[in-house]
Amino acid sequence: MGETARFQETLRKLAMIDEAFVRDQTGLGLDPAGSRALAAGATDDEIADMLLVIAPITGLGRVVCAAPDVAAALGYDISAALEDPDDQ
């Protein structure tokens, strides 16, 4: 998967409530407080990864609800991606 597509895949999987995907991402190697992803200049991938990191703490439902807004903030049309995942 290309570097630019990784954050899109993460956001799409979260929006689909893919619990297995979230469980599989526990070894991301991100700092637990998430300060790196929230710091100024965070990459799209770091921001999407932050949602995975906080999911066990805040609950998957809250992260799933946040994923479309985060995607929009990153300029990614998650609604279109969910309608036609092969196009992404």
Protein backbone atom coordinates (compact mmCIF):
# COMPACT_ATOMS: atom_id res chain seq x y z
CA MET A 1 0.00 0.00 0.00
CA GLY A 2 1.40 3.40 -0.93
CA GLU A 3 2.40 5.88 1.73
CA THR A 4 -0.34 8.32 0.74
CA ALA A 5 -3.01 5.62 0.83
CA ARG A 6 -2.26 4.23 4.31
CA PHE A 7 -4.14 6.96 6.19
CA GLN A 8 -7.06 6.58 3.80
CA GLU A 9 -7.23 2.83 4.44
CA THR A 10 -7.08 3.42 8.21
CA LEU A 11 -9.92 5.94 8.10
CA ARG A 12 -12.01 3.72 5.80
CA LYS A 13 -11.54 0.69 8.09
CA LEU A 14 -12.51 2.78 11.13
CA ALA A 15 -15.62 4.11 9.40
CA MET A 16 -16.57 0.50 8.58
CA ILE A 17 -16.16 -0.40 12.28
CA ASP A 18 -13.56 -3.02 11.42
CA GLU A 19 -12.77 -4.19 14.96
CA ALA A 20 -10.30 -6.82 13.74
CA PHE A 21 -8.29 -4.14 11.95
CA VAL A 22 -8.12 -2.04 15.13
CA ARG A 23 -7.02 -5.05 17.19
CA ASP A 24 -4.34 -5.90 14.62
CA GLN A 25 -2.85 -2.41 14.83
CA THR A 26 -1.81 -2.60 18.48
CA GLY A 27 1.88 -2.87 17.56
CA LEU A 28 2.15 0.43 15.69
CA GLY A 29 5.01 1.67 17.85
CA LEU A 30 3.44 5.08 18.49
CA ASP A 31 3.99 6.83 21.78
CA PRO A 32 1.05 6.10 24.11
CA ALA A 33 0.20 9.73 24.82
CA GLY A 34 0.00 10.44 21.11
CA SER A 35 1.98 13.63 21.45
CA ARG A 36 3.82 12.95 18.19
CA ALA A 37 0.63 12.71 16.14
CA LEU A 38 -0.93 15.75 17.76
CA ALA A 39 2.15 17.93 17.45
CA ALA A 40 2.32 20.61 14.80
CA GLY A 41 3.33 19.16 11.47
CA ALA A 42 1.84 15.70 12.04
CA THR A 43 1.47 13.69 8.85
CA ASP A 44 -1.86 12.34 7.61
CA ASP A 45 -0.71 8.84 8.58
CA GLU A 46 0.17 9.94 12.11
CA ILE A 47 -3.23 11.55 12.53
CA ALA A 48 -5.06 8.43 11.31
CA ASP A 49 -2.83 6.23 13.49
CA MET A 50 -3.74 8.39 16.47
CA LEU A 51 -7.36 7.30 16.07
CA LEU A 52 -6.21 3.69 16.31
CA VAL A 53 -4.14 4.43 19.41
CA ILE A 54 -6.99 6.07 21.29
CA ALA A 55 -9.68 3.55 20.26
CA PRO A 56 -9.10 1.21 23.23
CA ILE A 57 -9.25 4.16 25.63
CA THR A 58 -12.14 6.19 24.24
CA GLY A 59 -14.07 3.31 22.72
CA LEU A 60 -14.36 2.27 19.11
CA GLY A 61 -17.75 3.96 18.73
CA ARG A 62 -16.31 7.40 19.40
CA VAL A 63 -13.41 6.83 17.05
CA VAL A 64 -15.76 5.59 14.31
CA CYS A 65 -17.85 8.73 14.73
CA ALA A 66 -14.72 10.91 14.50
CA ALA A 67 -13.23 9.17 11.44
CA PRO A 68 -15.41 10.93 8.80
CA ASP A 69 -14.67 14.37 10.28
CA VAL A 70 -10.95 13.63 10.44
CA ALA A 71 -11.05 12.38 6.85
CA ALA A 72 -12.81 15.57 5.73
CA ALA A 73 -10.21 17.68 7.54
CA LEU A 74 -7.50 15.79 5.63
CA GLY A 75 -9.30 16.36 2.32
CA TYR A 76 -10.34 12.72 1.92
CA ASP A 77 -13.91 11.96 0.79
CA ILE A 78 -14.62 8.91 2.91
CA SER A 79 -18.25 8.68 1.75
CA ALA A 80 -17.13 8.22 -1.84
CA ALA A 81 -14.51 5.71 -0.71
CA LEU A 82 -17.09 3.64 1.12
CA GLU A 83 -19.42 3.65 -1.87
CA ASP A 84 -16.70 2.51 -4.27
CA PRO A 85 -13.73 1.06 -2.33
CA ASP A 86 -12.12 -0.31 -5.52
CA ASP A 87 -11.72 3.24 -6.83
CA GLN A 88 -9.53 4.25 -3.87
